Amino acid sequence: MTETQIYAELTDVFRDVLGNDAIVLRPDTTAADVDGWDSHAHVTLVVATEMRFGIRFRTGELEGLHNVCDFVRLIEQKRSAA
């Protein structure tokens, strides 16, 4: 799966979870940039992402995420390790 495909899939996850088809994820997107991306939604986004990509995150891995680019890189790492 290419980085472009990961962004497309992740965008679908965000749109589904947050109920907003206008969301467009960029590498520098943060929670502050997306309406509804609060701590509760974050947990739901993480679980939905795990399900979509068939991966599991550890809490420590998630604590180091600062933007969508970091999240995509972590997904790439997890998928290549599987």
PDB file of N, CA and C in Angstrom:
ATOM      1  N   MET A   1       0.850  -1.175   0.000  1.00  0.00           N
ATOM      2  CA  MET A   1       0.000   0.000   0.000  1.00  0.00           C
ATOM      3  C   MET A   1       0.893   1.235   0.000  1.00  0.00           C
ATOM      4  N   THR A   2       0.596   2.150  -0.902  1.00  0.00           N
ATOM      5  CA  THR A   2       1.406   3.361  -1.017  1.00  0.00           C
ATOM      6  C   THR A   2       0.977   4.396   0.027  1.00  0.00           C
ATOM      7  N   GLU A   3       1.813   5.395   0.196  1.00  0.00           N
ATOM      8  CA  GLU A   3       1.487   6.477   1.127  1.00  0.00           C
ATOM      9  C   GLU A   3       0.198   7.176   0.695  1.00  0.00           C
ATOM     10  N   THR A   4       0.036   7.380  -0.600  1.00  0.00           N
ATOM     11  CA  THR A   4      -1.180   8.011  -1.125  1.00  0.00           C
ATOM     12  C   THR A   4      -2.409   7.191  -0.776  1.00  0.00           C
ATOM     13  N   GLN A   5      -2.307   5.883  -0.885  1.00  0.00           N
ATOM     14  CA  GLN A   5      -3.428   5.002  -0.532  1.00  0.00           C
ATOM     15  C   GLN A   5      -3.728   5.056   0.958  1.00  0.00           C
ATOM     16  N   ILE A   6      -2.680   5.137   1.772  1.00  0.00           N
ATOM     17  CA  ILE A   6      -2.880   5.239   3.218  1.00  0.00           C
ATOM     18  C   ILE A   6      -3.610   6.536   3.552  1.00  0.00           C
ATOM     19  N   TYR A   7      -3.195   7.643   2.946  1.00  0.00           N
ATOM     20  CA  TYR A   7      -3.889   8.915   3.177  1.00  0.00           C
ATOM     21  C   TYR A   7      -5.356   8.821   2.759  1.00  0.00           C
ATOM     22  N   ALA A   8      -5.634   8.174   1.630  1.00  0.00           N
ATOM     23  CA  ALA A   8      -7.014   8.038   1.155  1.00  0.00           C
ATOM     24  C   ALA A   8      -7.842   7.202   2.125  1.00  0.00           C
ATOM     25  N   GLU A   9      -7.299   6.082   2.567  1.00  0.00           N
ATOM     26  CA  GLU A   9      -8.006   5.216   3.517  1.00  0.00           C
ATOM     27  C   GLU A   9      -8.207   5.929   4.853  1.00  0.00           C
ATOM     28  N   LEU A  10      -7.169   6.608   5.323  1.00  0.00           N
ATOM     29  CA  LEU A  10      -7.253   7.312   6.594  1.00  0.00           C
ATOM     30  C   LEU A  10      -8.260   8.461   6.519  1.00  0.00           C
ATOM     31  N   THR A  11      -8.299   9.135   5.387  1.00  0.00           N
ATOM     32  CA  THR A  11      -9.294  10.188   5.185  1.00  0.00           C
ATOM     33  C   THR A  11     -10.699   9.613   5.282  1.00  0.00           C
ATOM     34  N   ASP A  12     -10.919   8.444   4.685  1.00  0.00           N
ATOM     35  CA  ASP A  12     -12.225   7.781   4.784  1.00  0.00           C
ATOM     36  C   ASP A  12     -12.578   7.468   6.233  1.00  0.00           C
ATOM     37  N   VAL A  13     -11.596   7.008   7.000  1.00  0.00           N
ATOM     38  CA  VAL A  13     -11.822   6.710   8.417  1.00  0.00           C
ATOM     39  C   VAL A  13     -12.249   7.978   9.149  1.00  0.00           C
ATOM     40  N   PHE A  14     -11.518   9.048   8.948  1.00  0.00           N
ATOM     41  CA  PHE A  14     -11.837  10.319   9.611  1.00  0.00           C
ATOM     42  C   PHE A  14     -13.223  10.808   9.222  1.00  0.00           C
ATOM     43  N   ARG A  15     -13.544  10.729   7.943  1.00  0.00           N
ATOM     44  CA  ARG A  15     -14.856  11.179   7.479  1.00  0.00           C
ATOM     45  C   ARG A  15     -15.970  10.355   8.111  1.00  0.00           C
ATOM     46  N   ASP A  16     -15.773   9.035   8.157  1.00  0.00           N
ATOM     47  CA  ASP A  16     -16.784   8.147   8.757  1.00  0.00           C
ATOM     48  C   ASP A  16     -16.966   8.430  10.241  1.00  0.00           C
ATOM     49  N   VAL A  17     -15.863   8.474  10.978  1.00  0.00           N
ATOM     50  CA  VAL A  17     -15.928   8.645  12.430  1.00  0.00           C
ATOM     51  C   VAL A  17     -16.481  10.015  12.809  1.00  0.00           C
ATOM     52  N   LEU A  18     -16.044  11.045  12.110  1.00  0.00           N
ATOM     53  CA  LEU A  18     -16.438  12.404  12.472  1.00  0.00           C
ATOM     54  C   LEU A  18     -17.679  12.885  11.722  1.00  0.00           C
ATOM     55  N   GLY A  19     -18.180  12.069  10.794  1.00  0.00           N
ATOM     56  CA  GLY A  19     -19.387  12.422  10.063  1.00  0.00           C
ATOM     57  C   GLY A  19     -19.249  13.684   9.231  1.00  0.00           C
ATOM     58  N   ASN A  20     -18.075  13.848   8.611  1.00  0.00           N
ATOM     59  CA  ASN A  20     -17.817  15.056   7.838  1.00  0.00           C
ATOM     60  C   ASN A  20     -17.094  14.683   6.541  1.00  0.00           C
ATOM     61  N   ASP A  21     -17.843  14.670   5.430  1.00  0.00           N
ATOM     62  CA  ASP A  21     -17.261  14.297   4.145  1.00  0.00           C
ATOM     63  C   ASP A  21     -16.353  15.358   3.546  1.00  0.00           C
ATOM     64  N   ALA A  22     -16.251  16.508   4.176  1.00  0.00           N
ATOM     65  CA  ALA A  22     -15.400  17.587   3.670  1.00  0.00           C
ATOM     66  C   ALA A  22     -13.965  17.511   4.201  1.00  0.00           C
ATOM     67  N   ILE A  23     -13.694  16.572   5.114  1.00  0.00           N
ATOM     68  CA  ILE A  23     -12.343  16.474   5.694  1.00  0.00           C
ATOM     69  C   ILE A  23     -11.338  16.081   4.619  1.00  0.00           C
ATOM     70  N   VAL A  24     -10.257  16.835   4.568  1.00  0.00           N
ATOM     71  CA  VAL A  24      -9.128  16.534   3.690  1.00  0.00           C
ATOM     72  C   VAL A  24      -7.895  16.536   4.575  1.00  0.00           C
ATOM     73  N   LEU A  25      -7.269  15.379   4.720  1.00  0.00           N
ATOM     74  CA  LEU A  25      -6.089  15.271   5.574  1.00  0.00           C
ATOM     75  C   LEU A  25      -4.839  15.649   4.800  1.00  0.00           C
ATOM     76  N   ARG A  26      -4.009  16.446   5.433  1.00  0.00           N
ATOM     77  CA  ARG A  26      -2.700  16.818   4.912  1.00  0.00           C
ATOM     78  C   ARG A  26      -1.668  16.352   5.940  1.00  0.00           C
ATOM     79  N   PRO A  27      -0.420  16.248   5.543  1.00  0.00           N
ATOM     80  CA  PRO A  27       0.604  15.803   6.497  1.00  0.00           C
ATOM     81  C   PRO A  27       0.650  16.638   7.772  1.00  0.00           C
ATOM     82  N   ASP A  28       0.403  17.942   7.670  1.00  0.00           N
ATOM     83  CA  ASP A  28       0.510  18.810   8.836  1.00  0.00           C
ATOM     84  C   ASP A  28      -0.808  18.980   9.601  1.00  0.00           C
ATOM     85  N   THR A  29      -1.850  18.242   9.216  1.00  0.00           N
ATOM     86  CA  THR A  29      -3.138  18.338   9.907  1.00  0.00           C
ATOM     87  C   THR A  29      -3.006  17.842  11.342  1.00  0.00           C
ATOM     88  N   THR A  30      -3.576  18.614  12.284  1.00  0.00           N
ATOM     89  CA  THR A  30      -3.604  18.225  13.694  1.00  0.00           C
ATOM     90  C   THR A  30      -5.051  18.243  14.171  1.00  0.00           C
ATOM     91  N   ALA A  31      -5.266  17.782  15.389  1.00  0.00           N
ATOM     92  CA  ALA A  31      -6.608  17.762  15.960  1.00  0.00           C
ATOM     93  C   ALA A  31      -7.221  19.162  15.984  1.00  0.00           C
ATOM     94  N   ALA A  32      -6.407  20.167  16.187  1.00  0.00           N
ATOM     95  CA  ALA A  32      -6.912  21.541  16.240  1.00  0.00           C
ATOM     96  C   ALA A  32      -7.476  22.000  14.892  1.00  0.00           C
ATOM     97  N   ASP A  33      -7.088  21.325  13.813  1.00  0.00           N
ATOM     98  CA  ASP A  33      -7.530  21.701  12.469  1.00  0.00           C
ATOM     99  C   ASP A  33      -8.849  21.062  12.057  1.00  0.00           C
ATOM    100  N   VAL A  34      -9.324  20.065  12.814  1.00  0.00           N
ATOM    101  CA  VAL A  34     -10.491  19.289  12.404  1.00  0.00           C
ATOM    102  C   VAL A  34     -11.591  19.400  13.458  1.00  0.00           C
ATOM    103  N   ASP A  35     -12.727  19.961  13.055  1.00  0.00           N
ATOM    104  CA  ASP A  35     -13.866  20.072  13.967  1.00  0.00           C
ATOM    105  C   ASP A  35     -14.297  18.686  14.441  1.00  0.00           C
ATOM    106  N   GLY A  36     -14.466  18.556  15.737  1.00  0.00           N
ATOM    107  CA  GLY A  36     -14.932  17.301  16.312  1.00  0.00           C
ATOM    108  C   GLY A  36     -13.841  16.330  16.711  1.00  0.00           C
ATOM    109  N   TRP A  37     -12.580  16.636  16.369  1.00  0.00           N
ATOM    110  CA  TRP A  37     -11.484  15.734  16.736  1.00  0.00           C
ATOM    111  C   TRP A  37     -11.033  16.081  18.152  1.00  0.00           C
ATOM    112  N   ASP A  38     -11.779  15.546  19.106  1.00  0.00           N
ATOM    113  CA  ASP A  38     -11.458  15.740  20.515  1.00  0.00           C
ATOM    114  C   ASP A  38     -10.903  14.432  21.078  1.00  0.00           C
ATOM    115  N   SER A  39     -10.711  14.363  22.376  1.00  0.00           N
ATOM    116  CA  SER A  39     -10.097  13.170  22.974  1.00  0.00           C
ATOM    117  C   SER A  39     -10.964  11.929  22.796  1.00  0.00           C
ATOM    118  N   HIS A  40     -12.266  12.079  22.896  1.00  0.00           N
ATOM    119  CA  HIS A  40     -13.169  10.934  22.697  1.00  0.00           C
ATOM    120  C   HIS A  40     -13.091  10.459  21.246  1.00  0.00           C
ATOM    121  N   ALA A  41     -13.176  11.394  20.303  1.00  0.00           N
ATOM    122  CA  ALA A  41     -13.098  11.041  18.887  1.00  0.00           C
ATOM    123  C   ALA A  41     -11.739  10.433  18.552  1.00  0.00           C
ATOM    124  N   HIS A  42     -10.697  10.883  19.234  1.00  0.00           N
ATOM    125  CA  HIS A  42      -9.359  10.356  18.981  1.00  0.00           C
ATOM    126  C   HIS A  42      -9.306   8.852  19.246  1.00  0.00           C
ATOM    127  N   VAL A  43      -9.884   8.443  20.350  1.00  0.00           N
ATOM    128  CA  VAL A  43      -9.907   7.007  20.676  1.00  0.00           C
ATOM    129  C   VAL A  43     -10.662   6.240  19.591  1.00  0.00           C
ATOM    130  N   THR A  44     -11.789   6.770  19.176  1.00  0.00           N
ATOM    131  CA  THR A  44     -12.583   6.114  18.137  1.00  0.00           C
ATOM    132  C   THR A  44     -11.814   6.078  16.817  1.00  0.00           C
ATOM    133  N   LEU A  45     -11.105   7.147  16.486  1.00  0.00           N
ATOM    134  CA  LEU A  45     -10.292   7.176  15.272  1.00  0.00           C
ATOM    135  C   LEU A  45      -9.190   6.123  15.313  1.00  0.00           C
ATOM    136  N   VAL A  46      -8.546   5.980  16.455  1.00  0.00           N
ATOM    137  CA  VAL A  46      -7.476   4.988  16.595  1.00  0.00           C
ATOM    138  C   VAL A  46      -8.023   3.578  16.391  1.00  0.00           C
ATOM    139  N   VAL A  47      -9.133   3.266  17.035  1.00  0.00           N
ATOM    140  CA  VAL A  47      -9.727   1.930  16.915  1.00  0.00           C
ATOM    141  C   VAL A  47     -10.183   1.668  15.481  1.00  0.00           C
ATOM    142  N   ALA A  48     -10.829   2.648  14.868  1.00  0.00           N
ATOM    143  CA  ALA A  48     -11.295   2.500  13.488  1.00  0.00           C
ATOM    144  C   ALA A  48     -10.111   2.329  12.532  1.00  0.00           C
ATOM    145  N   THR A  49      -9.015   3.025  12.798  1.00  0.00           N
ATOM    146  CA  THR A  49      -7.818   2.894  11.970  1.00  0.00           C
ATOM    147  C   THR A  49      -7.216   1.504  12.120  1.00  0.00           C
ATOM    148  N   GLU A  50      -7.156   1.010  13.339  1.00  0.00           N
ATOM    149  CA  GLU A  50      -6.655  -0.350  13.565  1.00  0.00           C
ATOM    150  C   GLU A  50      -7.486  -1.360  12.775  1.00  0.00           C
ATOM    151  N   MET A  51      -8.775  -1.206  12.814  1.00  0.00           N
ATOM    152  CA  MET A  51      -9.658  -2.137  12.111  1.00  0.00           C
ATOM    153  C   MET A  51      -9.481  -2.023  10.600  1.00  0.00           C
ATOM    154  N   ARG A  52      -9.410  -0.811  10.092  1.00  0.00           N
ATOM    155  CA  ARG A  52      -9.302  -0.599   8.642  1.00  0.00           C
ATOM    156  C   ARG A  52      -8.005  -1.172   8.082  1.00  0.00           C
ATOM    157  N   PHE A  53      -6.897  -0.972   8.832  1.00  0.00           N
ATOM    158  CA  PHE A  53      -5.590  -1.386   8.324  1.00  0.00           C
ATOM    159  C   PHE A  53      -5.126  -2.741   8.854  1.00  0.00           C
ATOM    160  N   GLY A  54      -5.895  -3.338   9.755  1.00  0.00           N
ATOM    161  CA  GLY A  54      -5.521  -4.647  10.290  1.00  0.00           C
ATOM    162  C   GLY A  54      -4.256  -4.604  11.133  1.00  0.00           C
ATOM    163  N   ILE A  55      -4.112  -3.552  11.932  1.00  0.00           N
ATOM    164  CA  ILE A  55      -2.923  -3.370  12.776  1.00  0.00           C
ATOM    165  C   ILE A  55      -3.361  -3.049  14.200  1.00  0.00           C
ATOM    166  N   ARG A  56      -2.411  -3.060  15.116  1.00  0.00           N
ATOM    167  CA  ARG A  56      -2.666  -2.692  16.518  1.00  0.00           C
ATOM    168  C   ARG A  56      -1.595  -1.701  16.952  1.00  0.00           C
ATOM    169  N   PHE A  57      -2.032  -0.658  17.650  1.00  0.00           N
ATOM    170  CA  PHE A  57      -1.110   0.335  18.182  1.00  0.00           C
ATOM    171  C   PHE A  57      -0.899   0.108  19.667  1.00  0.00           C
ATOM    172  N   ARG A  58       0.295   0.413  20.140  1.00  0.00           N
ATOM    173  CA  ARG A  58       0.558   0.447  21.576  1.00  0.00           C
ATOM    174  C   ARG A  58       0.386   1.890  22.031  1.00  0.00           C
ATOM    175  N   THR A  59      -0.015   2.066  23.268  1.00  0.00           N
ATOM    176  CA  THR A  59      -0.255   3.408  23.810  1.00  0.00           C
ATOM    177  C   THR A  59       0.963   4.307  23.641  1.00  0.00           C
ATOM    178  N   GLY A  60       2.135   3.792  23.921  1.00  0.00           N
ATOM    179  CA  GLY A  60       3.358   4.582  23.805  1.00  0.00           C
ATOM    180  C   GLY A  60       3.604   5.090  22.396  1.00  0.00           C
ATOM    181  N   GLU A  61       3.197   4.309  21.403  1.00  0.00           N
ATOM    182  CA  GLU A  61       3.365   4.744  20.017  1.00  0.00           C
ATOM    183  C   GLU A  61       2.463   5.936  19.706  1.00  0.00           C
ATOM    184  N   LEU A  62       1.288   5.936  20.258  1.00  0.00           N
ATOM    185  CA  LEU A  62       0.313   6.984  19.981  1.00  0.00           C
ATOM    186  C   LEU A  62       0.663   8.296  20.665  1.00  0.00           C
ATOM    187  N   GLU A  63       1.347   8.218  21.778  1.00  0.00           N
ATOM    188  CA  GLU A  63       1.698   9.421  22.520  1.00  0.00           C
ATOM    189  C   GLU A  63       2.658  10.318  21.755  1.00  0.00           C
ATOM    190  N   GLY A  64       3.414   9.761  20.825  1.00  0.00           N
ATOM    191  CA  GLY A  64       4.386  10.533  20.071  1.00  0.00           C
ATOM    192  C   GLY A  64       3.849  11.139  18.788  1.00  0.00           C
ATOM    193  N   LEU A  65       2.562  10.980  18.540  1.00  0.00           N
ATOM    194  CA  LEU A  65       1.985  11.512  17.309  1.00  0.00           C
ATOM    195  C   LEU A  65       1.622  12.983  17.473  1.00  0.00           C
ATOM    196  N   HIS A  66       2.075  13.797  16.533  1.00  0.00           N
ATOM    197  CA  HIS A  66       1.815  15.234  16.593  1.00  0.00           C
ATOM    198  C   HIS A  66       0.939  15.735  15.452  1.00  0.00           C
ATOM    199  N   ASN A  67       0.895  14.953  14.353  1.00  0.00           N
ATOM    200  CA  ASN A  67       0.099  15.349  13.199  1.00  0.00           C
ATOM    201  C   ASN A  67      -0.224  14.110  12.366  1.00  0.00           C
ATOM    202  N   VAL A  68      -0.959  14.311  11.297  1.00  0.00           N
ATOM    203  CA  VAL A  68      -1.373  13.188  10.459  1.00  0.00           C
ATOM    204  C   VAL A  68      -0.166  12.504   9.813  1.00  0.00           C
ATOM    205  N   CYS A  69       0.849  13.252   9.459  1.00  0.00           N
ATOM    206  CA  CYS A  69       2.053  12.644   8.880  1.00  0.00           C
ATOM    207  C   CYS A  69       2.650  11.609   9.833  1.00  0.00           C
ATOM    208  N   ASP A  70       2.733  11.945  11.107  1.00  0.00           N
ATOM    209  CA  ASP A  70       3.247  10.994  12.100  1.00  0.00           C
ATOM    210  C   ASP A  70       2.376   9.741  12.150  1.00  0.00           C
ATOM    211  N   PHE A  71       1.059   9.927  12.059  1.00  0.00           N
ATOM    212  CA  PHE A  71       0.116   8.816  12.095  1.00  0.00           C
ATOM    213  C   PHE A  71       0.303   7.920  10.867  1.00  0.00           C
ATOM    214  N   VAL A  72       0.460   8.520   9.699  1.00  0.00           N
ATOM    215  CA  VAL A  72       0.674   7.760   8.464  1.00  0.00           C
ATOM    216  C   VAL A  72       1.979   6.980   8.543  1.00  0.00           C
ATOM    217  N   ARG A  73       3.031   7.601   9.045  1.00  0.00           N
ATOM    218  CA  ARG A  73       4.325   6.909   9.187  1.00  0.00           C
ATOM    219  C   ARG A  73       4.203   5.698  10.120  1.00  0.00           C
ATOM    220  N   LEU A  74       3.456   5.854  11.194  1.00  0.00           N
ATOM    221  CA  LEU A  74       3.256   4.744  12.127  1.00  0.00           C
ATOM    222  C   LEU A  74       2.468   3.620  11.447  1.00  0.00           C
ATOM    223  N   ILE A  75       1.456   3.968  10.689  1.00  0.00           N
ATOM    224  CA  ILE A  75       0.691   2.963   9.952  1.00  0.00           C
ATOM    225  C   ILE A  75       1.608   2.216   8.983  1.00  0.00           C
ATOM    226  N   GLU A  76       2.453   2.960   8.263  1.00  0.00           N
ATOM    227  CA  GLU A  76       3.401   2.318   7.334  1.00  0.00           C
ATOM    228  C   GLU A  76       4.314   1.343   8.071  1.00  0.00           C
ATOM    229  N   GLN A  77       4.845   1.754   9.228  1.00  0.00           N
ATOM    230  CA  GLN A  77       5.717   0.889  10.015  1.00  0.00           C
ATOM    231  C   GLN A  77       4.991  -0.375  10.448  1.00  0.00           C
ATOM    232  N   LYS A  78       3.789  -0.212  10.943  1.00  0.00           N
ATOM    233  CA  LYS A  78       3.009  -1.352  11.423  1.00  0.00           C
ATOM    234  C   LYS A  78       2.687  -2.318  10.289  1.00  0.00           C
ATOM    235  N   ARG A  79       2.321  -1.790   9.135  1.00  0.00           N
ATOM    236  CA  ARG A  79       1.970  -2.639   8.004  1.00  0.00           C
ATOM    237  C   ARG A  79       3.189  -3.370   7.459  1.00  0.00           C
ATOM    238  N   SER A  80       4.350  -2.724   7.473  1.00  0.00           N
ATOM    239  CA  SER A  80       5.549  -3.386   6.942  1.00  0.00           C
ATOM    240  C   SER A  80       6.070  -4.440   7.921  1.00  0.00           C
ATOM    241  N   ALA A  81       5.749  -4.299   9.205  1.00  0.00           N
ATOM    242  CA  ALA A  81       6.192  -5.274  10.198  1.00  0.00           C
ATOM    243  C   ALA A  81       5.284  -6.494  10.243  1.00  0.00           C
ATOM    244  N   ALA A  82       4.084  -6.376   9.690  1.00  0.00           N
ATOM    245  CA  ALA A  82       3.117  -7.474   9.764  1.00  0.00           C
ATOM    246  C   ALA A  82       3.413  -8.581   8.780  1.00  0.00           C
TER     247      ALA A  82
END
